[in-house]
PDB file of N, CA and C in Angstrom:
ATOM      1  N   MET A   1      10.479  -1.687 -18.109  1.00  0.00           N
ATOM      2  CA  MET A   1       9.963  -1.214 -16.796  1.00  0.00           C
ATOM      3  C   MET A   1      11.693  -1.012 -15.980  1.00  0.00           C
ATOM      4  N   GLN A   2      11.602   0.070 -15.198  1.00  0.00           N
ATOM      5  CA  GLN A   2      13.338  -0.127 -14.682  1.00  0.00           C
ATOM      6  C   GLN A   2      12.908   0.446 -13.399  1.00  0.00           C
ATOM      7  N   PHE A   3      13.191  -0.964 -12.180  1.00  0.00           N
ATOM      8  CA  PHE A   3      12.885  -0.803 -10.686  1.00  0.00           C
ATOM      9  C   PHE A   3      14.470  -1.078 -10.028  1.00  0.00           C
ATOM     10  N   TYR A   4      14.354  -0.570  -8.978  1.00  0.00           N
ATOM     11  CA  TYR A   4      16.388  -0.249  -8.101  1.00  0.00           C
ATOM     12  C   TYR A   4      15.441  -1.453  -6.775  1.00  0.00           C
ATOM     13  N   GLY A   5      16.562  -2.644  -7.164  1.00  0.00           N
ATOM     14  CA  GLY A   5      15.885  -4.194  -6.240  1.00  0.00           C
ATOM     15  C   GLY A   5      17.699  -4.228  -5.620  1.00  0.00           C
ATOM     16  N   TYR A   6      17.236  -4.643  -5.089  1.00  0.00           N
ATOM     17  CA  TYR A   6      18.548  -5.846  -3.648  1.00  0.00           C
ATOM     18  C   TYR A   6      18.376  -7.089  -3.745  1.00  0.00           C
ATOM     19  N   HIS A   7      18.600  -7.513  -5.499  1.00  0.00           N
ATOM     20  CA  HIS A   7      18.607  -8.990  -5.482  1.00  0.00           C
ATOM     21  C   HIS A   7      20.380  -9.208  -5.758  1.00  0.00           C
ATOM     22  N   GLY A   8      20.276 -10.583  -5.509  1.00  0.00           N
ATOM     23  CA  GLY A   8      21.612 -11.171  -5.951  1.00  0.00           C
ATOM     24  C   GLY A   8      22.096 -11.897  -4.807  1.00  0.00           C
ATOM     25  N   ALA A   9      22.952 -12.257  -5.579  1.00  0.00           N
ATOM     26  CA  ALA A   9      24.132 -14.248  -4.598  1.00  0.00           C
ATOM     27  C   ALA A   9      25.089 -13.073  -3.752  1.00  0.00           C
ATOM     28  N   LEU A  10      25.939 -12.295  -3.964  1.00  0.00           N
ATOM     29  CA  LEU A  10      26.780 -11.704  -3.547  1.00  0.00           C
ATOM     30  C   LEU A  10      26.173 -10.380  -2.755  1.00  0.00           C
ATOM     31  N   GLU A  11      26.730 -10.457  -1.267  1.00  0.00           N
ATOM     32  CA  GLU A  11      26.475  -9.874  -0.021  1.00  0.00           C
ATOM     33  C   GLU A  11      26.114  -8.097  -0.643  1.00  0.00           C
ATOM     34  N   GLU A  12      27.126  -7.805  -1.659  1.00  0.00           N
ATOM     35  CA  GLU A  12      27.553  -6.316  -2.267  1.00  0.00           C
ATOM     36  C   GLU A  12      25.801  -5.626  -2.728  1.00  0.00           C
ATOM     37  N   GLU A  13      25.516  -7.128  -3.777  1.00  0.00           N
ATOM     38  CA  GLU A  13      24.147  -6.890  -4.481  1.00  0.00           C
ATOM     39  C   GLU A  13      23.153  -6.779  -4.086  1.00  0.00           C
ATOM     40  N   ARG A  14      23.003  -7.123  -2.694  1.00  0.00           N
ATOM     41  CA  ARG A  14      22.062  -6.935  -1.694  1.00  0.00           C
ATOM     42  C   ARG A  14      22.051  -6.000  -0.890  1.00  0.00           C
ATOM     43  N   ARG A  15      23.234  -5.720  -0.754  1.00  0.00           N
ATOM     44  CA  ARG A  15      23.764  -4.089   0.152  1.00  0.00           C
ATOM     45  C   ARG A  15      23.350  -3.250  -0.515  1.00  0.00           C
ATOM     46  N   ILE A  16      24.663  -3.166  -1.767  1.00  0.00           N
ATOM     47  CA  ILE A  16      23.994  -1.896  -2.409  1.00  0.00           C
ATOM     48  C   ILE A  16      22.607  -1.927  -3.275  1.00  0.00           C
ATOM     49  N   GLY A  17      22.293  -2.566  -4.189  1.00  0.00           N
ATOM     50  CA  GLY A  17      21.498  -2.810  -5.234  1.00  0.00           C
ATOM     51  C   GLY A  17      22.010  -2.439  -6.069  1.00  0.00           C
ATOM     52  N   GLN A  18      20.509  -2.409  -7.255  1.00  0.00           N
ATOM     53  CA  GLN A  18      21.192  -2.330  -8.688  1.00  0.00           C
ATOM     54  C   GLN A  18      20.206  -2.083  -9.414  1.00  0.00           C
ATOM     55  N   ARG A  19      19.733  -1.444 -10.686  1.00  0.00           N
ATOM     56  CA  ARG A  19      18.968  -1.062 -11.293  1.00  0.00           C
ATOM     57  C   ARG A  19      18.510  -2.413 -12.403  1.00  0.00           C
ATOM     58  N   PHE A  20      17.068  -2.690 -12.194  1.00  0.00           N
ATOM     59  CA  PHE A  20      16.949  -4.504 -12.740  1.00  0.00           C
ATOM     60  C   PHE A  20      15.961  -3.591 -14.192  1.00  0.00           C
ATOM     61  N   ASP A  21      15.757  -3.934 -15.173  1.00  0.00           N
ATOM     62  CA  ASP A  21      15.262  -3.609 -16.376  1.00  0.00           C
ATOM     63  C   ASP A  21      14.573  -4.935 -16.772  1.00  0.00           C
ATOM     64  N   VAL A  22      12.585  -4.352 -16.286  1.00  0.00           N
ATOM     65  CA  VAL A  22      12.152  -5.805 -16.832  1.00  0.00           C
ATOM     66  C   VAL A  22      10.936  -5.707 -18.023  1.00  0.00           C
ATOM     67  N   ASP A  23      10.906  -6.967 -18.723  1.00  0.00           N
ATOM     68  CA  ASP A  23      10.038  -6.327 -20.305  1.00  0.00           C
ATOM     69  C   ASP A  23       9.088  -7.745 -19.817  1.00  0.00           C
ATOM     70  N   VAL A  24       7.355  -7.448 -20.143  1.00  0.00           N
ATOM     71  CA  VAL A  24       7.179  -8.383 -19.787  1.00  0.00           C
ATOM     72  C   VAL A  24       5.880  -8.526 -20.701  1.00  0.00           C
ATOM     73  N   SER A  25       5.596  -9.302 -21.545  1.00  0.00           N
ATOM     74  CA  SER A  25       4.863  -9.477 -22.643  1.00  0.00           C
ATOM     75  C   SER A  25       3.534 -10.422 -22.335  1.00  0.00           C
ATOM     76  N   LEU A  26       2.608  -9.867 -22.572  1.00  0.00           N
ATOM     77  CA  LEU A  26       0.998 -10.656 -22.456  1.00  0.00           C
ATOM     78  C   LEU A  26       0.772 -10.758 -23.851  1.00  0.00           C
ATOM     79  N   ILE A  27       0.576 -12.073 -24.109  1.00  0.00           N
ATOM     80  CA  ILE A  27      -0.426 -12.534 -25.131  1.00  0.00           C
ATOM     81  C   ILE A  27      -2.153 -12.946 -24.716  1.00  0.00           C
ATOM     82  N   LEU A  28      -2.637 -12.301 -25.039  1.00  0.00           N
ATOM     83  CA  LEU A  28      -3.913 -11.928 -24.661  1.00  0.00           C
ATOM     84  C   LEU A  28      -5.036 -11.634 -26.405  1.00  0.00           C
ATOM     85  N   ASP A  29      -6.015 -12.094 -26.322  1.00  0.00           N
ATOM     86  CA  ASP A  29      -7.164 -11.890 -27.061  1.00  0.00           C
ATOM     87  C   ASP A  29      -7.720 -10.934 -26.726  1.00  0.00           C
ATOM     88  N   LEU A  30      -7.477  -9.194 -27.341  1.00  0.00           N
ATOM     89  CA  LEU A  30      -7.507  -8.026 -27.201  1.00  0.00           C
ATOM     90  C   LEU A  30      -9.098  -7.814 -28.213  1.00  0.00           C
ATOM     91  N   TYR A  31      -9.796  -8.669 -28.455  1.00  0.00           N
ATOM     92  CA  TYR A  31     -10.367  -8.456 -29.749  1.00  0.00           C
ATOM     93  C   TYR A  31     -11.730  -7.279 -29.144  1.00  0.00           C
ATOM     94  N   ARG A  32     -12.575  -7.995 -27.940  1.00  0.00           N
ATOM     95  CA  ARG A  32     -13.288  -7.454 -27.079  1.00  0.00           C
ATOM     96  C   ARG A  32     -13.339  -5.820 -26.973  1.00  0.00           C
ATOM     97  N   ALA A  33     -11.837  -5.358 -26.100  1.00  0.00           N
ATOM     98  CA  ALA A  33     -11.361  -4.136 -25.705  1.00  0.00           C
ATOM     99  C   ALA A  33     -10.930  -3.656 -27.158  1.00  0.00           C
ATOM    100  N   GLY A  34     -10.579  -4.190 -28.366  1.00  0.00           N
ATOM    101  CA  GLY A  34     -10.634  -3.092 -29.219  1.00  0.00           C
ATOM    102  C   GLY A  34     -11.585  -2.966 -29.936  1.00  0.00           C
ATOM    103  N   SER A  35     -12.489  -3.589 -30.320  1.00  0.00           N
ATOM    104  CA  SER A  35     -13.673  -3.358 -30.815  1.00  0.00           C
ATOM    105  C   SER A  35     -15.258  -2.688 -29.895  1.00  0.00           C
ATOM    106  N   THR A  36     -15.046  -2.658 -28.737  1.00  0.00           N
ATOM    107  CA  THR A  36     -16.002  -1.940 -27.783  1.00  0.00           C
ATOM    108  C   THR A  36     -15.226  -0.966 -26.994  1.00  0.00           C
ATOM    109  N   ASP A  37     -14.170  -0.790 -27.389  1.00  0.00           N
ATOM    110  CA  ASP A  37     -13.684   0.368 -26.853  1.00  0.00           C
ATOM    111  C   ASP A  37     -13.629   0.432 -25.036  1.00  0.00           C
ATOM    112  N   ARG A  38     -13.591  -0.814 -24.344  1.00  0.00           N
ATOM    113  CA  ARG A  38     -14.450  -0.922 -22.737  1.00  0.00           C
ATOM    114  C   ARG A  38     -13.081  -1.323 -21.845  1.00  0.00           C
ATOM    115  N   LEU A  39     -12.653  -0.353 -20.724  1.00  0.00           N
ATOM    116  CA  LEU A  39     -11.565  -0.584 -20.574  1.00  0.00           C
ATOM    117  C   LEU A  39     -11.737  -2.540 -19.391  1.00  0.00           C
ATOM    118  N   ASP A  40     -13.257  -2.309 -19.007  1.00  0.00           N
ATOM    119  CA  ASP A  40     -13.136  -3.503 -18.392  1.00  0.00           C
ATOM    120  C   ASP A  40     -13.102  -4.835 -19.267  1.00  0.00           C
ATOM    121  N   GLN A  41     -12.614  -4.389 -20.780  1.00  0.00           N
ATOM    122  CA  GLN A  41     -12.573  -5.745 -21.505  1.00  0.00           C
ATOM    123  C   GLN A  41     -10.990  -6.298 -21.315  1.00  0.00           C
ATOM    124  N   THR A  42     -10.178  -5.631 -20.822  1.00  0.00           N
ATOM    125  CA  THR A  42      -8.696  -5.683 -21.261  1.00  0.00           C
ATOM    126  C   THR A  42      -7.960  -5.558 -20.001  1.00  0.00           C
ATOM    127  N   VAL A  43      -6.929  -5.995 -19.897  1.00  0.00           N
ATOM    128  CA  VAL A  43      -6.213  -6.204 -18.545  1.00  0.00           C
ATOM    129  C   VAL A  43      -5.473  -4.778 -18.255  1.00  0.00           C
ATOM    130  N   ASN A  44      -5.770  -4.718 -16.889  1.00  0.00           N
ATOM    131  CA  ASN A  44      -5.139  -3.195 -16.309  1.00  0.00           C
ATOM    132  C   ASN A  44      -3.882  -3.301 -16.196  1.00  0.00           C
ATOM    133  N   TYR A  45      -3.189  -2.675 -17.384  1.00  0.00           N
ATOM    134  CA  TYR A  45      -1.981  -2.719 -17.132  1.00  0.00           C
ATOM    135  C   TYR A  45      -0.617  -2.016 -15.933  1.00  0.00           C
ATOM    136  N   ALA A  46      -1.604  -0.577 -15.318  1.00  0.00           N
ATOM    137  CA  ALA A  46      -1.441  -0.474 -14.328  1.00  0.00           C
ATOM    138  C   ALA A  46      -1.098  -1.161 -13.109  1.00  0.00           C
ATOM    139  N   ASP A  47      -2.037  -2.374 -13.062  1.00  0.00           N
ATOM    140  CA  ASP A  47      -1.874  -3.700 -12.502  1.00  0.00           C
ATOM    141  C   ASP A  47      -0.832  -4.254 -12.511  1.00  0.00           C
ATOM    142  N   VAL A  48      -0.734  -4.776 -14.091  1.00  0.00           N
ATOM    143  CA  VAL A  48       1.022  -5.667 -13.844  1.00  0.00           C
ATOM    144  C   VAL A  48       1.701  -4.635 -13.477  1.00  0.00           C
ATOM    145  N   TYR A  49       2.425  -3.386 -13.619  1.00  0.00           N
ATOM    146  CA  TYR A  49       2.887  -2.650 -13.445  1.00  0.00           C
ATOM    147  C   TYR A  49       3.511  -2.794 -11.708  1.00  0.00           C
ATOM    148  N   THR A  50       2.192  -2.204 -11.177  1.00  0.00           N
ATOM    149  CA  THR A  50       2.326  -2.477  -9.950  1.00  0.00           C
ATOM    150  C   THR A  50       2.485  -3.573  -9.062  1.00  0.00           C
ATOM    151  N   LYS A  51       2.490  -4.784  -9.445  1.00  0.00           N
ATOM    152  CA  LYS A  51       2.972  -6.012  -8.931  1.00  0.00           C
ATOM    153  C   LYS A  51       4.420  -6.060  -9.401  1.00  0.00           C
ATOM    154  N   VAL A  52       4.693  -6.081 -10.570  1.00  0.00           N
ATOM    155  CA  VAL A  52       6.157  -5.873 -10.694  1.00  0.00           C
ATOM    156  C   VAL A  52       6.906  -5.227  -9.843  1.00  0.00           C
ATOM    157  N   LYS A  53       6.466  -4.174  -9.841  1.00  0.00           N
ATOM    158  CA  LYS A  53       7.257  -3.210  -9.138  1.00  0.00           C
ATOM    159  C   LYS A  53       7.627  -3.665  -8.038  1.00  0.00           C
ATOM    160  N   GLU A  54       6.754  -4.263  -7.049  1.00  0.00           N
ATOM    161  CA  GLU A  54       6.220  -4.589  -5.846  1.00  0.00           C
ATOM    162  C   GLU A  54       7.361  -5.826  -5.427  1.00  0.00           C
ATOM    163  N   ILE A  55       7.592  -6.524  -6.411  1.00  0.00           N
ATOM    164  CA  ILE A  55       8.243  -7.690  -6.575  1.00  0.00           C
ATOM    165  C   ILE A  55       9.866  -7.676  -6.382  1.00  0.00           C
ATOM    166  N   VAL A  56      10.134  -6.479  -7.624  1.00  0.00           N
ATOM    167  CA  VAL A  56      11.321  -6.010  -7.742  1.00  0.00           C
ATOM    168  C   VAL A  56      11.706  -5.465  -6.881  1.00  0.00           C
ATOM    169  N   GLU A  57      11.113  -4.616  -6.481  1.00  0.00           N
ATOM    170  CA  GLU A  57      11.328  -3.391  -5.255  1.00  0.00           C
ATOM    171  C   GLU A  57      11.390  -4.324  -3.625  1.00  0.00           C
ATOM    172  N   GLY A  58      10.912  -5.586  -3.609  1.00  0.00           N
ATOM    173  CA  GLY A  58      10.719  -5.766  -2.737  1.00  0.00           C
ATOM    174  C   GLY A  58      11.621  -6.735  -2.062  1.00  0.00           C
ATOM    175  N   PRO A  59      11.319  -7.592  -0.962  1.00  0.00           N
ATOM    176  CA  PRO A  59      12.010  -8.521  -0.367  1.00  0.00           C
ATOM    177  C   PRO A  59      13.240  -9.514  -1.243  1.00  0.00           C
ATOM    178  N   PRO A  60      14.854  -9.314  -0.436  1.00  0.00           N
ATOM    179  CA  PRO A  60      15.987  -9.574  -1.912  1.00  0.00           C
ATOM    180  C   PRO A  60      15.623 -11.196  -2.073  1.00  0.00           C
ATOM    181  N   CYS A  61      16.044 -11.661  -3.183  1.00  0.00           N
ATOM    182  CA  CYS A  61      16.193 -13.019  -3.485  1.00  0.00           C
ATOM    183  C   CYS A  61      17.264 -13.275  -3.909  1.00  0.00           C
ATOM    184  N   ALA A  62      18.379 -14.235  -3.418  1.00  0.00           N
ATOM    185  CA  ALA A  62      19.512 -14.356  -4.122  1.00  0.00           C
ATOM    186  C   ALA A  62      19.439 -14.551  -5.680  1.00  0.00           C
ATOM    187  N   LEU A  63      18.428 -15.085  -6.544  1.00  0.00           N
ATOM    188  CA  LEU A  63      18.679 -15.805  -7.551  1.00  0.00           C
ATOM    189  C   LEU A  63      17.775 -14.734  -8.800  1.00  0.00           C
ATOM    190  N   ILE A  64      18.274 -13.971  -9.785  1.00  0.00           N
ATOM    191  CA  ILE A  64      17.388 -13.159 -10.519  1.00  0.00           C
ATOM    192  C   ILE A  64      16.126 -14.033 -10.921  1.00  0.00           C
ATOM    193  N   GLU A  65      16.552 -15.473 -11.206  1.00  0.00           N
ATOM    194  CA  GLU A  65      15.528 -16.485 -12.051  1.00  0.00           C
ATOM    195  C   GLU A  65      14.087 -16.335 -10.819  1.00  0.00           C
ATOM    196  N   HIS A  66      14.775 -16.231  -9.523  1.00  0.00           N
ATOM    197  CA  HIS A  66      13.448 -16.712  -8.627  1.00  0.00           C
ATOM    198  C   HIS A  66      12.553 -15.305  -8.944  1.00  0.00           C
ATOM    199  N   VAL A  67      13.214 -14.094  -8.863  1.00  0.00           N
ATOM    200  CA  VAL A  67      12.480 -13.196  -8.978  1.00  0.00           C
ATOM    201  C   VAL A  67      11.579 -13.022 -10.711  1.00  0.00           C
ATOM    202  N   ALA A  68      12.134 -13.364 -11.377  1.00  0.00           N
ATOM    203  CA  ALA A  68      11.780 -13.880 -12.524  1.00  0.00           C
ATOM    204  C   ALA A  68      10.332 -14.804 -12.249  1.00  0.00           C
ATOM    205  N   GLU A  69      10.472 -16.074 -11.972  1.00  0.00           N
ATOM    206  CA  GLU A  69       9.209 -16.676 -11.428  1.00  0.00           C
ATOM    207  C   GLU A  69       7.945 -15.982 -11.043  1.00  0.00           C
ATOM    208  N   LYS A  70       8.799 -15.768  -9.836  1.00  0.00           N
ATOM    209  CA  LYS A  70       7.819 -14.542  -9.144  1.00  0.00           C
ATOM    210  C   LYS A  70       6.850 -13.877  -9.873  1.00  0.00           C
ATOM    211  N   ILE A  71       7.556 -13.280 -10.670  1.00  0.00           N
ATOM    212  CA  ILE A  71       6.509 -11.690 -11.592  1.00  0.00           C
ATOM    213  C   ILE A  71       5.969 -13.076 -12.619  1.00  0.00           C
ATOM    214  N   ALA A  72       6.243 -13.907 -13.306  1.00  0.00           N
ATOM    215  CA  ALA A  72       5.351 -14.737 -14.405  1.00  0.00           C
ATOM    216  C   ALA A  72       4.383 -15.447 -13.435  1.00  0.00           C
ATOM    217  N   GLU A  73       4.146 -15.931 -12.414  1.00  0.00           N
ATOM    218  CA  GLU A  73       3.161 -16.305 -11.608  1.00  0.00           C
ATOM    219  C   GLU A  73       1.712 -15.217 -11.464  1.00  0.00           C
ATOM    220  N   THR A  74       2.869 -14.085 -11.019  1.00  0.00           N
ATOM    221  CA  THR A  74       2.115 -13.054 -10.562  1.00  0.00           C
ATOM    222  C   THR A  74       1.023 -12.457 -11.625  1.00  0.00           C
ATOM    223  N   VAL A  75       2.253 -12.515 -13.016  1.00  0.00           N
ATOM    224  CA  VAL A  75       0.989 -12.018 -14.190  1.00  0.00           C
ATOM    225  C   VAL A  75       0.131 -13.175 -14.314  1.00  0.00           C
ATOM    226  N   CYS A  76       0.265 -14.118 -14.440  1.00  0.00           N
ATOM    227  CA  CYS A  76      -0.098 -15.317 -14.499  1.00  0.00           C
ATOM    228  C   CYS A  76      -1.492 -15.650 -13.920  1.00  0.00           C
ATOM    229  N   LYS A  77      -1.588 -15.267 -12.899  1.00  0.00           N
ATOM    230  CA  LYS A  77      -2.617 -14.972 -12.460  1.00  0.00           C
ATOM    231  C   LYS A  77      -3.688 -14.066 -12.557  1.00  0.00           C
ATOM    232  N   ILE A  78      -3.303 -12.987 -12.691  1.00  0.00           N
ATOM    233  CA  ILE A  78      -3.752 -11.551 -13.514  1.00  0.00           C
ATOM    234  C   ILE A  78      -4.540 -12.004 -14.586  1.00  0.00           C
ATOM    235  N   ILE A  79      -3.766 -12.854 -15.772  1.00  0.00           N
ATOM    236  CA  ILE A  79      -3.829 -13.020 -16.836  1.00  0.00           C
ATOM    237  C   ILE A  79      -5.528 -14.053 -16.477  1.00  0.00           C
ATOM    238  N   LEU A  80      -5.060 -15.330 -15.849  1.00  0.00           N
ATOM    239  CA  LEU A  80      -6.409 -16.184 -15.582  1.00  0.00           C
ATOM    240  C   LEU A  80      -7.493 -15.215 -15.414  1.00  0.00           C
ATOM    241  N   TRP A  81      -7.284 -14.731 -14.366  1.00  0.00           N
ATOM    242  CA  TRP A  81      -8.412 -13.420 -13.689  1.00  0.00           C
ATOM    243  C   TRP A  81      -9.064 -12.782 -15.234  1.00  0.00           C
ATOM    244  N   PHE A  82      -8.338 -11.965 -15.915  1.00  0.00           N
ATOM    245  CA  PHE A  82      -8.979 -11.844 -16.828  1.00  0.00           C
ATOM    246  C   PHE A  82      -9.570 -12.791 -18.250  1.00  0.00           C
ATOM    247  N   ALA A  83      -9.210 -13.834 -17.882  1.00  0.00           N
ATOM    248  CA  ALA A  83     -10.093 -14.868 -18.571  1.00  0.00           C
ATOM    249  C   ALA A  83     -11.179 -15.447 -18.160  1.00  0.00           C
ATOM    250  N   ASN A  84     -10.804 -15.775 -16.660  1.00  0.00           N
ATOM    251  CA  ASN A  84     -12.007 -16.212 -16.172  1.00  0.00           C
ATOM    252  C   ASN A  84     -13.224 -15.093 -15.904  1.00  0.00           C
ATOM    253  N   ALA A  85     -12.708 -13.801 -16.253  1.00  0.00           N
ATOM    254  CA  ALA A  85     -14.220 -12.910 -16.174  1.00  0.00           C
ATOM    255  C   ALA A  85     -14.789 -12.610 -17.395  1.00  0.00           C
ATOM    256  N   GLY A  86     -14.483 -13.337 -18.555  1.00  0.00           N
ATOM    257  CA  GLY A  86     -14.990 -13.436 -19.497  1.00  0.00           C
ATOM    258  C   GLY A  86     -15.062 -12.691 -20.651  1.00  0.00           C
ATOM    259  N   CYS A  87     -13.276 -12.009 -20.639  1.00  0.00           N
ATOM    260  CA  CYS A  87     -12.590 -10.918 -20.951  1.00  0.00           C
ATOM    261  C   CYS A  87     -12.324 -11.318 -22.692  1.00  0.00           C
ATOM    262  N   MET A  88     -11.922 -12.547 -22.553  1.00  0.00           N
ATOM    263  CA  MET A  88     -10.951 -13.585 -23.707  1.00  0.00           C
ATOM    264  C   MET A  88     -12.556 -14.471 -24.594  1.00  0.00           C
TER     265      MET A  88
END
């Protein structure tokens, strides 16, 4: 995924911005979705994309590590919802 954001420790990075390439890997048991062909048995990947986009294009952070942590926390919440919904 590619987004434009204004993160960085330097003032120029926060003023000018830059492109961020983001890779997110989800490790899930998708047997039910694969065998039933039902959308309610899988993660909505559009939701993952939207949440990552909101973070990267959102308020600036000084450290890219902080951006990555925010993404990880958000994606983990989506995965926990998926698991608690009985999809795994």
